Amino acid sequence: MGIPEERVDRLAALARDAVAEGHEDRAREYVRLARRIAERNRLTLPRSFRRFTCDACDTYLLPGRNARVRLQDGHVVVRCDCGETARYPYD
């Protein structure tokens, strides 16, 4: 694992902790920075990071706090407080 991957993982952990403490603006900056690092280094973001961040507002999603998670017709539906909806299939 190289330096960019380690940094993206660390920023994801920092974003998760910041949201849990109520610092959503700080978490949003961590998410933006992690995406920028991944883009510059041509990395694929980890699945857990992609699924728990909002593409529209860059918020780190914490189910029950700023995201609503529902199961519907073979999909997991995640809705952010900004109104953005993401659907992921499950088997």
C-alpha atoms as a PDB file:
ATOM      1  CA  MET A   1       0.000   0.000   0.000  1.00  0.00           C
ATOM      2  CA  GLY A   2       1.427   3.325  -1.052  1.00  0.00           C
ATOM      3  CA  ILE A   3       1.298   6.716   0.568  1.00  0.00           C
ATOM      4  CA  PRO A   4      -1.811   7.943  -1.328  1.00  0.00           C
ATOM      5  CA  GLU A   5      -3.836   4.855  -0.313  1.00  0.00           C
ATOM      6  CA  GLU A   6      -2.804   5.282   3.317  1.00  0.00           C
ATOM      7  CA  ARG A   7      -3.724   8.944   3.228  1.00  0.00           C
ATOM      8  CA  VAL A   8      -7.166   8.245   1.713  1.00  0.00           C
ATOM      9  CA  ASP A   9      -7.816   5.605   4.396  1.00  0.00           C
ATOM     10  CA  ARG A  10      -6.731   7.997   7.132  1.00  0.00           C
ATOM     11  CA  LEU A  11      -8.917  10.806   5.782  1.00  0.00           C
ATOM     12  CA  ALA A  12     -11.904   8.434   5.647  1.00  0.00           C
ATOM     13  CA  ALA A  13     -11.370   7.537   9.307  1.00  0.00           C
ATOM     14  CA  LEU A  14     -11.026  11.215  10.226  1.00  0.00           C
ATOM     15  CA  ALA A  15     -14.235  12.059   8.344  1.00  0.00           C
ATOM     16  CA  ARG A  16     -16.132   9.267  10.142  1.00  0.00           C
ATOM     17  CA  ASP A  17     -14.888  10.492  13.541  1.00  0.00           C
ATOM     18  CA  ALA A  18     -15.646  14.142  12.727  1.00  0.00           C
ATOM     19  CA  VAL A  19     -19.266  13.358  11.791  1.00  0.00           C
ATOM     20  CA  ALA A  20     -19.696  11.304  14.969  1.00  0.00           C
ATOM     21  CA  GLU A  21     -18.509  14.311  16.998  1.00  0.00           C
ATOM     22  CA  GLY A  22     -20.805  16.695  15.110  1.00  0.00           C
ATOM     23  CA  HIS A  23     -18.189  18.501  12.984  1.00  0.00           C
ATOM     24  CA  GLU A  24     -19.833  18.014   9.598  1.00  0.00           C
ATOM     25  CA  ASP A  25     -17.983  20.850   7.847  1.00  0.00           C
ATOM     26  CA  ARG A  26     -14.634  19.371   8.862  1.00  0.00           C
ATOM     27  CA  ALA A  27     -15.761  15.925   7.657  1.00  0.00           C
ATOM     28  CA  ARG A  28     -16.803  17.431   4.324  1.00  0.00           C
ATOM     29  CA  GLU A  29     -13.315  18.881   3.853  1.00  0.00           C
ATOM     30  CA  TYR A  30     -11.765  15.489   4.629  1.00  0.00           C
ATOM     31  CA  VAL A  31     -13.985  13.830   2.017  1.00  0.00           C
ATOM     32  CA  ARG A  32     -13.119  16.434  -0.610  1.00  0.00           C
ATOM     33  CA  LEU A  33      -9.418  16.085   0.107  1.00  0.00           C
ATOM     34  CA  ALA A  34      -9.563  12.278  -0.082  1.00  0.00           C
ATOM     35  CA  ARG A  35     -11.383  12.424  -3.433  1.00  0.00           C
ATOM     36  CA  ARG A  36      -8.850  14.891  -4.771  1.00  0.00           C
ATOM     37  CA  ILE A  37      -5.909  12.713  -3.699  1.00  0.00           C
ATOM     38  CA  ALA A  38      -7.507   9.657  -5.296  1.00  0.00           C
ATOM     39  CA  GLU A  39      -8.173  11.561  -8.507  1.00  0.00           C
ATOM     40  CA  ARG A  40      -4.615  12.892  -8.776  1.00  0.00           C
ATOM     41  CA  ASN A  41      -3.095   9.472  -8.142  1.00  0.00           C
ATOM     42  CA  ARG A  42      -5.619   7.520 -10.241  1.00  0.00           C
ATOM     43  CA  LEU A  43      -6.817   5.470  -7.307  1.00  0.00           C
ATOM     44  CA  THR A  44     -10.123   3.699  -6.907  1.00  0.00           C
ATOM     45  CA  LEU A  45     -11.733   4.796  -3.675  1.00  0.00           C
ATOM     46  CA  PRO A  46     -12.594   1.968  -1.269  1.00  0.00           C
ATOM     47  CA  ARG A  47     -16.154   0.685  -1.540  1.00  0.00           C
ATOM     48  CA  SER A  48     -16.973   1.643   2.042  1.00  0.00           C
ATOM     49  CA  PHE A  49     -15.841   5.219   1.350  1.00  0.00           C
ATOM     50  CA  ARG A  50     -17.881   5.464  -1.868  1.00  0.00           C
ATOM     51  CA  ARG A  51     -21.012   4.082  -0.234  1.00  0.00           C
ATOM     52  CA  PHE A  52     -20.852   6.318   2.824  1.00  0.00           C
ATOM     53  CA  THR A  53     -20.233   9.640   1.087  1.00  0.00           C
ATOM     54  CA  CYS A  54     -22.735  11.799  -0.761  1.00  0.00           C
ATOM     55  CA  ASP A  55     -21.752  12.610  -4.345  1.00  0.00           C
ATOM     56  CA  ALA A  56     -23.748  15.832  -4.358  1.00  0.00           C
ATOM     57  CA  CYS A  57     -22.628  17.546  -1.135  1.00  0.00           C
ATOM     58  CA  ASP A  58     -19.501  15.530  -0.143  1.00  0.00           C
ATOM     59  CA  THR A  59     -20.911  14.712   3.285  1.00  0.00           C
ATOM     60  CA  TYR A  60     -19.739  11.582   5.091  1.00  0.00           C
ATOM     61  CA  LEU A  61     -22.978   9.702   5.696  1.00  0.00           C
ATOM     62  CA  LEU A  62     -23.750   8.292   9.109  1.00  0.00           C
ATOM     63  CA  PRO A  63     -27.004   6.294   9.016  1.00  0.00           C
ATOM     64  CA  GLY A  64     -29.469   7.649  11.527  1.00  0.00           C
ATOM     65  CA  ARG A  65     -27.736  11.006  11.837  1.00  0.00           C
ATOM     66  CA  ASN A  66     -27.566  12.528   8.351  1.00  0.00           C
ATOM     67  CA  ALA A  67     -28.643   9.632   6.122  1.00  0.00           C
ATOM     68  CA  ARG A  68     -31.685   7.400   5.775  1.00  0.00           C
ATOM     69  CA  VAL A  69     -31.123   3.793   4.747  1.00  0.00           C
ATOM     70  CA  ARG A  70     -33.931   1.598   3.420  1.00  0.00           C
ATOM     71  CA  LEU A  71     -34.204  -1.781   1.713  1.00  0.00           C
ATOM     72  CA  GLN A  72     -36.372  -1.799  -1.386  1.00  0.00           C
ATOM     73  CA  ASP A  73     -36.804  -4.419  -4.144  1.00  0.00           C
ATOM     74  CA  GLY A  74     -33.288  -5.852  -4.039  1.00  0.00           C
ATOM     75  CA  HIS A  75     -31.605  -2.481  -3.471  1.00  0.00           C
ATOM     76  CA  VAL A  76     -30.220  -0.563  -0.539  1.00  0.00           C
ATOM     77  CA  VAL A  77     -31.492   3.009  -0.851  1.00  0.00           C
ATOM     78  CA  VAL A  78     -29.427   5.672   0.910  1.00  0.00           C
ATOM     79  CA  ARG A  79     -30.826   9.203   1.065  1.00  0.00           C
ATOM     80  CA  CYS A  80     -28.700  12.097   2.259  1.00  0.00           C
ATOM     81  CA  ASP A  81     -30.145  15.112   4.085  1.00  0.00           C
ATOM     82  CA  CYS A  82     -29.461  17.174   0.951  1.00  0.00           C
ATOM     83  CA  GLY A  83     -31.982  15.000  -0.941  1.00  0.00           C
ATOM     84  CA  GLU A  84     -29.509  12.987  -3.030  1.00  0.00           C
ATOM     85  CA  THR A  85     -30.432   9.301  -3.368  1.00  0.00           C
ATOM     86  CA  ALA A  86     -28.060   6.417  -4.053  1.00  0.00           C
ATOM     87  CA  ARG A  87     -29.117   2.841  -4.783  1.00  0.00           C
ATOM     88  CA  TYR A  88     -26.898  -0.208  -4.414  1.00  0.00           C
ATOM     89  CA  PRO A  89     -27.972  -3.746  -5.378  1.00  0.00           C
ATOM     90  CA  TYR A  90     -27.712  -6.642  -2.979  1.00  0.00           C
ATOM     91  CA  ASP A  91     -28.151 -10.356  -3.526  1.00  0.00           C
END
